[in-house]
């Protein structure tokens, strides 16, 4: 069970990383369409790095 939980968490972190990378390339108009403010876009896009990915991996938050 632990391995399954760890794998699921790792998958979620990879998806979050990919989403943040995609957010970097979005225009202001596209962000407005999905309800993301430019400041939020900048803050989330900054997390699209190896450092941000590792922080997500090691800071598990139970939803």
PDB file of N, CA and C in Angstrom:
ATOM      1  N   UNK A   1       0.820  -1.204   0.000  1.00  0.00           N
ATOM      2  CA  UNK A   1       0.000   0.000   0.000  1.00  0.00           C
ATOM      3  C   UNK A   1       0.858   1.261   0.000  1.00  0.00           C
ATOM      4  N   UNK A   2       1.955   1.219   0.742  1.00  0.00           N
ATOM      5  CA  UNK A   2       2.832   2.382   0.798  1.00  0.00           C
ATOM      6  C   UNK A   2       3.400   2.703  -0.585  1.00  0.00           C
ATOM      7  N   UNK A   3       3.806   1.663  -1.295  1.00  0.00           N
ATOM      8  CA  UNK A   3       4.372   1.864  -2.633  1.00  0.00           C
ATOM      9  C   UNK A   3       3.334   2.449  -3.587  1.00  0.00           C
ATOM     10  N   UNK A   4       2.102   1.999  -3.478  1.00  0.00           N
ATOM     11  CA  UNK A   4       1.036   2.514  -4.345  1.00  0.00           C
ATOM     12  C   UNK A   4       0.770   3.980  -4.031  1.00  0.00           C
ATOM     13  N   UNK A   5       0.723   4.316  -2.752  1.00  0.00           N
ATOM     14  CA  UNK A   5       0.512   5.707  -2.350  1.00  0.00           C
ATOM     15  C   UNK A   5       1.649   6.607  -2.805  1.00  0.00           C
ATOM     16  N   UNK A   6       2.867   6.108  -2.680  1.00  0.00           N
ATOM     17  CA  UNK A   6       4.032   6.873  -3.111  1.00  0.00           C
ATOM     18  C   UNK A   6       4.008   7.089  -4.623  1.00  0.00           C
ATOM     19  N   UNK A   7       3.661   6.042  -5.364  1.00  0.00           N
ATOM     20  CA  UNK A   7       3.582   6.152  -6.819  1.00  0.00           C
ATOM     21  C   UNK A   7       2.491   7.140  -7.234  1.00  0.00           C
ATOM     22  N   UNK A   8       1.355   7.101  -6.580  1.00  0.00           N
ATOM     23  CA  UNK A   8       0.258   8.023  -6.903  1.00  0.00           C
ATOM     24  C   UNK A   8       0.672   9.465  -6.615  1.00  0.00           C
ATOM     25  N   UNK A   9       1.373   9.665  -5.508  1.00  0.00           N
ATOM     26  CA  UNK A   9       1.845  11.009  -5.161  1.00  0.00           C
ATOM     27  C   UNK A   9       2.854  11.502  -6.194  1.00  0.00           C
ATOM     28  N   UNK A  10       3.754  10.626  -6.604  1.00  0.00           N
ATOM     29  CA  UNK A  10       4.755  10.987  -7.600  1.00  0.00           C
ATOM     30  C   UNK A  10       4.095  11.339  -8.935  1.00  0.00           C
ATOM     31  N   UNK A  11       3.075  10.593  -9.314  1.00  0.00           N
ATOM     32  CA  UNK A  11       2.330  10.896 -10.545  1.00  0.00           C
ATOM     33  C   UNK A  11       1.684  12.278 -10.461  1.00  0.00           C
ATOM     34  N   UNK A  12       1.101  12.600  -9.307  1.00  0.00           N
ATOM     35  CA  UNK A  12       0.465  13.904  -9.126  1.00  0.00           C
ATOM     36  C   UNK A  12       1.498  15.025  -9.221  1.00  0.00           C
ATOM     37  N   UNK A  13       2.682  14.797  -8.670  1.00  0.00           N
ATOM     38  CA  UNK A  13       3.747  15.799  -8.732  1.00  0.00           C
ATOM     39  C   UNK A  13       4.224  16.008 -10.164  1.00  0.00           C
ATOM     40  N   UNK A  14       4.339  14.942 -10.926  1.00  0.00           N
ATOM     41  CA  UNK A  14       4.746  15.049 -12.333  1.00  0.00           C
ATOM     42  C   UNK A  14       3.687  15.815 -13.122  1.00  0.00           C
ATOM     43  N   UNK A  15       2.423  15.509 -12.900  1.00  0.00           N
ATOM     44  CA  UNK A  15       1.341  16.215 -13.586  1.00  0.00           C
ATOM     45  C   UNK A  15       1.356  17.702 -13.233  1.00  0.00           C
ATOM     46  N   UNK A  16       1.563  18.023 -11.963  1.00  0.00           N
ATOM     47  CA  UNK A  16       1.626  19.418 -11.527  1.00  0.00           C
ATOM     48  C   UNK A  16       2.798  20.134 -12.206  1.00  0.00           C
ATOM     49  N   UNK A  17       3.939  19.462 -12.299  1.00  0.00           N
ATOM     50  CA  UNK A  17       5.118  20.031 -12.958  1.00  0.00           C
ATOM     51  C   UNK A  17       4.821  20.317 -14.433  1.00  0.00           C
ATOM     52  N   UNK A  18       4.204  19.363 -15.114  1.00  0.00           N
ATOM     53  CA  UNK A  18       3.880  19.538 -16.534  1.00  0.00           C
ATOM     54  C   UNK A  18       2.881  20.674 -16.735  1.00  0.00           C
ATOM     55  N   UNK A  19       1.920  20.776 -15.839  1.00  0.00           N
ATOM     56  CA  UNK A  19       0.919  21.840 -15.929  1.00  0.00           C
ATOM     57  C   UNK A  19       1.572  23.202 -15.737  1.00  0.00           C
ATOM     58  N   UNK A  20       2.485  23.281 -14.790  1.00  0.00           N
ATOM     59  CA  UNK A  20       3.185  24.545 -14.556  1.00  0.00           C
ATOM     60  C   UNK A  20       4.056  24.924 -15.749  1.00  0.00           C
ATOM     61  N   UNK A  21       4.685  23.946 -16.387  1.00  0.00           N
ATOM     62  CA  UNK A  21       5.485  24.235 -17.586  1.00  0.00           C
ATOM     63  C   UNK A  21       4.585  24.772 -18.692  1.00  0.00           C
ATOM     64  N   UNK A  22       3.413  24.185 -18.852  1.00  0.00           N
ATOM     65  CA  UNK A  22       2.473  24.647 -19.878  1.00  0.00           C
ATOM     66  C   UNK A  22       1.977  26.053 -19.564  1.00  0.00           C
ATOM     67  N   UNK A  23       1.832  26.360 -18.296  1.00  0.00           N
ATOM     68  CA  UNK A  23       1.361  27.681 -17.880  1.00  0.00           C
ATOM     69  C   UNK A  23       2.353  28.769 -18.293  1.00  0.00           C
ATOM     70  N   UNK A  24       3.623  28.420 -18.359  1.00  0.00           N
ATOM     71  CA  UNK A  24       4.646  29.390 -18.769  1.00  0.00           C
ATOM     72  C   UNK A  24       4.413  29.898 -20.187  1.00  0.00           C
ATOM     73  N   UNK A  25       3.878  29.059 -21.047  1.00  0.00           N
ATOM     74  CA  UNK A  25       3.731  29.419 -22.459  1.00  0.00           C
ATOM     75  C   UNK A  25       2.382  30.055 -22.786  1.00  0.00           C
ATOM     76  N   UNK A  26       1.494  30.127 -21.817  1.00  0.00           N
ATOM     77  CA  UNK A  26       0.159  30.675 -22.072  1.00  0.00           C
ATOM     78  C   UNK A  26       0.191  32.195 -22.142  1.00  0.00           C
ATOM     79  N   UNK A  27      -0.655  32.735 -23.003  1.00  0.00           N
ATOM     80  CA  UNK A  27      -0.778  34.186 -23.118  1.00  0.00           C
ATOM     81  C   UNK A  27      -1.679  34.705 -22.002  1.00  0.00           C
ATOM     82  N   UNK A  28      -1.686  36.013 -21.849  1.00  0.00           N
ATOM     83  CA  UNK A  28      -2.532  36.650 -20.836  1.00  0.00           C
ATOM     84  C   UNK A  28      -4.004  36.360 -21.121  1.00  0.00           C
ATOM     85  N   UNK A  29      -4.372  36.365 -22.404  1.00  0.00           N
ATOM     86  CA  UNK A  29      -5.762  36.101 -22.782  1.00  0.00           C
ATOM     87  C   UNK A  29      -6.169  34.667 -22.438  1.00  0.00           C
ATOM     88  N   UNK A  30      -5.275  33.724 -22.690  1.00  0.00           N
ATOM     89  CA  UNK A  30      -5.568  32.327 -22.363  1.00  0.00           C
ATOM     90  C   UNK A  30      -5.712  32.143 -20.853  1.00  0.00           C
ATOM     91  N   UNK A  31      -4.860  32.809 -20.102  1.00  0.00           N
ATOM     92  CA  UNK A  31      -4.956  32.713 -18.644  1.00  0.00           C
ATOM     93  C   UNK A  31      -6.262  33.325 -18.145  1.00  0.00           C
ATOM     94  N   UNK A  32      -6.657  34.430 -18.757  1.00  0.00           N
ATOM     95  CA  UNK A  32      -7.921  35.059 -18.368  1.00  0.00           C
ATOM     96  C   UNK A  32      -9.092  34.120 -18.652  1.00  0.00           C
ATOM     97  N   UNK A  33      -9.005  33.361 -19.741  1.00  0.00           N
ATOM     98  CA  UNK A  33     -10.066  32.409 -20.086  1.00  0.00           C
ATOM     99  C   UNK A  33     -10.245  31.332 -19.019  1.00  0.00           C
ATOM    100  N   UNK A  34      -9.158  30.928 -18.386  1.00  0.00           N
ATOM    101  CA  UNK A  34      -9.263  29.877 -17.364  1.00  0.00           C
ATOM    102  C   UNK A  34      -9.289  30.445 -15.948  1.00  0.00           C
ATOM    103  N   UNK A  35      -9.316  31.781 -15.842  1.00  0.00           N
ATOM    104  CA  UNK A  35      -9.459  32.415 -14.538  1.00  0.00           C
ATOM    105  C   UNK A  35      -8.178  32.536 -13.738  1.00  0.00           C
ATOM    106  N   UNK A  36      -7.046  32.599 -14.433  1.00  0.00           N
ATOM    107  CA  UNK A  36      -5.760  32.747 -13.751  1.00  0.00           C
ATOM    108  C   UNK A  36      -5.256  34.164 -13.983  1.00  0.00           C
ATOM    109  N   UNK A  37      -4.949  34.853 -12.899  1.00  0.00           N
ATOM    110  CA  UNK A  37      -4.436  36.217 -13.002  1.00  0.00           C
ATOM    111  C   UNK A  37      -2.954  36.172 -13.380  1.00  0.00           C
ATOM    112  N   UNK A  38      -2.458  37.233 -14.012  1.00  0.00           N
ATOM    113  CA  UNK A  38      -1.043  37.252 -14.418  1.00  0.00           C
ATOM    114  C   UNK A  38      -0.076  37.004 -13.257  1.00  0.00           C
ATOM    115  N   UNK A  39      -0.382  37.536 -12.100  1.00  0.00           N
ATOM    116  CA  UNK A  39       0.483  37.324 -10.930  1.00  0.00           C
ATOM    117  C   UNK A  39       0.483  35.855 -10.511  1.00  0.00           C
ATOM    118  N   UNK A  40      -0.687  35.233 -10.532  1.00  0.00           N
ATOM    119  CA  UNK A  40      -0.774  33.804 -10.203  1.00  0.00           C
ATOM    120  C   UNK A  40      -0.007  32.978 -11.224  1.00  0.00           C
ATOM    121  N   UNK A  41      -0.115  33.368 -12.494  1.00  0.00           N
ATOM    122  CA  UNK A  41       0.609  32.660 -13.554  1.00  0.00           C
ATOM    123  C   UNK A  41       2.107  32.736 -13.304  1.00  0.00           C
ATOM    124  N   UNK A  42       2.584  33.916 -12.978  1.00  0.00           N
ATOM    125  CA  UNK A  42       4.011  34.098 -12.740  1.00  0.00           C
ATOM    126  C   UNK A  42       4.488  33.264 -11.557  1.00  0.00           C
ATOM    127  N   UNK A  43       3.725  33.276 -10.464  1.00  0.00           N
ATOM    128  CA  UNK A  43       4.118  32.524  -9.269  1.00  0.00           C
ATOM    129  C   UNK A  43       4.127  31.018  -9.516  1.00  0.00           C
ATOM    130  N   UNK A  44       3.117  30.515 -10.200  1.00  0.00           N
ATOM    131  CA  UNK A  44       3.061  29.074 -10.477  1.00  0.00           C
ATOM    132  C   UNK A  44       4.124  28.665 -11.496  1.00  0.00           C
ATOM    133  N   UNK A  45       4.352  29.502 -12.494  1.00  0.00           N
ATOM    134  CA  UNK A  45       5.353  29.176 -13.510  1.00  0.00           C
ATOM    135  C   UNK A  45       6.754  29.141 -12.909  1.00  0.00           C
ATOM    136  N   UNK A  46       6.988  29.952 -11.883  1.00  0.00           N
ATOM    137  CA  UNK A  46       8.287  29.934 -11.208  1.00  0.00           C
ATOM    138  C   UNK A  46       8.558  28.585 -10.554  1.00  0.00           C
ATOM    139  N   UNK A  47       7.508  27.881 -10.198  1.00  0.00           N
ATOM    140  CA  UNK A  47       7.650  26.580  -9.538  1.00  0.00           C
ATOM    141  C   UNK A  47       7.931  25.452 -10.531  1.00  0.00           C
ATOM    142  N   UNK A  48       7.934  25.757 -11.821  1.00  0.00           N
ATOM    143  CA  UNK A  48       8.170  24.739 -12.855  1.00  0.00           C
ATOM    144  C   UNK A  48       9.669  24.538 -13.046  1.00  0.00           C
ATOM    145  N   UNK A  49      10.305  24.030 -12.023  1.00  0.00           N
ATOM    146  CA  UNK A  49      11.736  23.744 -12.069  1.00  0.00           C
ATOM    147  C   UNK A  49      11.979  22.454 -11.294  1.00  0.00           C
ATOM    148  N   UNK A  50      13.187  21.963 -11.370  1.00  0.00           N
ATOM    149  CA  UNK A  50      13.523  20.753 -10.620  1.00  0.00           C
ATOM    150  C   UNK A  50      13.368  21.018  -9.125  1.00  0.00           C
ATOM    151  N   UNK A  51      13.764  22.200  -8.693  1.00  0.00           N
ATOM    152  CA  UNK A  51      13.624  22.562  -7.279  1.00  0.00           C
ATOM    153  C   UNK A  51      12.146  22.545  -6.870  1.00  0.00           C
ATOM    154  N   UNK A  52      11.290  23.138  -7.696  1.00  0.00           N
ATOM    155  CA  UNK A  52       9.858  23.153  -7.405  1.00  0.00           C
ATOM    156  C   UNK A  52       9.267  21.756  -7.401  1.00  0.00           C
ATOM    157  N   UNK A  53       9.718  20.922  -8.332  1.00  0.00           N
ATOM    158  CA  UNK A  53       9.245  19.538  -8.396  1.00  0.00           C
ATOM    159  C   UNK A  53       9.626  18.782  -7.126  1.00  0.00           C
ATOM    160  N   UNK A  54      10.872  18.911  -6.706  1.00  0.00           N
ATOM    161  CA  UNK A  54      11.326  18.209  -5.501  1.00  0.00           C
ATOM    162  C   UNK A  54      10.615  18.716  -4.248  1.00  0.00           C
ATOM    163  N   UNK A  55      10.325  20.010  -4.202  1.00  0.00           N
ATOM    164  CA  UNK A  55       9.562  20.541  -3.068  1.00  0.00           C
ATOM    165  C   UNK A  55       8.176  19.912  -3.019  1.00  0.00           C
ATOM    166  N   UNK A  56       7.548  19.759  -4.169  1.00  0.00           N
ATOM    167  CA  UNK A  56       6.241  19.103  -4.221  1.00  0.00           C
ATOM    168  C   UNK A  56       6.333  17.652  -3.760  1.00  0.00           C
ATOM    169  N   UNK A  57       7.373  16.956  -4.200  1.00  0.00           N
ATOM    170  CA  UNK A  57       7.529  15.541  -3.852  1.00  0.00           C
ATOM    171  C   UNK A  57       7.677  15.367  -2.347  1.00  0.00           C
ATOM    172  N   UNK A  58       8.480  16.218  -1.723  1.00  0.00           N
ATOM    173  CA  UNK A  58       8.785  16.029  -0.308  1.00  0.00           C
ATOM    174  C   UNK A  58       7.840  16.755   0.639  1.00  0.00           C
ATOM    175  N   UNK A  59       6.919  17.540   0.120  1.00  0.00           N
ATOM    176  CA  UNK A  59       5.928  18.212   0.959  1.00  0.00           C
ATOM    177  C   UNK A  59       4.557  17.628   0.672  1.00  0.00           C
ATOM    178  N   UNK A  60       4.379  16.399   1.063  1.00  0.00           N
ATOM    179  CA  UNK A  60       3.119  15.700   0.817  1.00  0.00           C
ATOM    180  C   UNK A  60       2.011  16.330   1.646  1.00  0.00           C
ATOM    181  N   UNK A  61       0.922  16.684   0.979  1.00  0.00           N
ATOM    182  CA  UNK A  61      -0.246  17.247   1.652  1.00  0.00           C
ATOM    183  C   UNK A  61      -1.419  16.319   1.417  1.00  0.00           C
ATOM    184  N   UNK A  62      -2.022  15.876   2.467  1.00  0.00           N
ATOM    185  CA  UNK A  62      -3.161  14.978   2.346  1.00  0.00           C
ATOM    186  C   UNK A  62      -4.395  15.791   1.974  1.00  0.00           C
ATOM    187  N   UNK A  63      -5.042  15.434   0.870  1.00  0.00           N
ATOM    188  CA  UNK A  63      -6.226  16.174   0.400  1.00  0.00           C
ATOM    189  C   UNK A  63      -7.485  15.667   1.038  1.00  0.00           C
TER     190      UNK A  63
END
